[in-house]
Protein backbone atom coordinates (compact mmCIF):
# COMPACT_ATOMS: atom_id res chain seq x y z
CA MET A 1 2.97 -8.92 -9.82
CA SER A 2 4.10 -5.43 -10.74
CA VAL A 3 4.49 -2.49 -8.39
CA GLU A 4 1.53 -0.78 -10.03
CA ASN A 5 -0.66 -3.83 -9.42
CA ILE A 6 0.37 -3.96 -5.77
CA SER A 7 -0.47 -0.29 -5.36
CA THR A 8 -3.84 -0.71 -7.05
CA ILE A 9 -4.78 -3.65 -4.84
CA PHE A 10 -3.48 -2.47 -1.48
CA SER A 11 -3.67 1.31 -1.42
CA PRO A 12 -7.51 1.44 -1.31
CA THR A 13 -7.43 -1.10 1.51
CA LEU A 14 -4.85 0.81 3.54
CA PHE A 15 -5.80 4.41 2.86
CA CYS A 16 -9.51 4.48 1.95
CA THR A 17 -11.40 1.79 3.85
CA GLY A 18 -9.05 1.60 6.82
CA VAL A 19 -9.22 -2.19 6.85
CA VAL A 20 -6.27 -3.72 8.66
CA PRO A 21 -4.70 -6.67 6.79
CA SER A 22 -4.34 -9.96 8.62
CA LEU A 23 -0.55 -9.66 8.45
CA PRO A 24 0.58 -6.48 10.28
CA GLN A 25 4.22 -6.99 9.30
CA GLN A 26 3.24 -7.20 5.64
CA GLN A 27 1.21 -4.02 6.04
CA HIS A 28 4.16 -2.27 7.66
CA MET A 29 6.55 -3.32 4.90
CA LEU A 30 4.04 -2.31 2.22
CA LEU A 31 3.48 1.11 3.79
CA HIS A 32 7.23 1.61 4.11
CA PHE A 33 7.71 0.64 0.47
CA MET A 34 4.89 2.89 -0.74
CA ILE A 35 6.16 5.84 1.31
CA ARG A 36 9.61 5.39 -0.23
CA THR A 37 8.11 5.08 -3.72
CA PRO A 38 5.78 8.10 -4.02
CA ARG A 39 5.39 7.76 -7.78
CA ILE A 40 2.98 4.85 -7.27
CA VAL A 41 0.91 6.78 -4.72
CA PRO A 42 0.11 10.04 -6.53
CA TYR A 43 -2.39 11.27 -3.93
CA VAL A 44 0.08 11.25 -1.04
């Protein structure tokens, strides 16, 4: 799965609906990764 696919799948879940994933550690790592990779999150 590419970085773009991950962003497309998870960013609406994390930033738009506010739904908390069932794996908080995975969410934390994903947020950390997305924050460090702003090119895949153009609206941040």
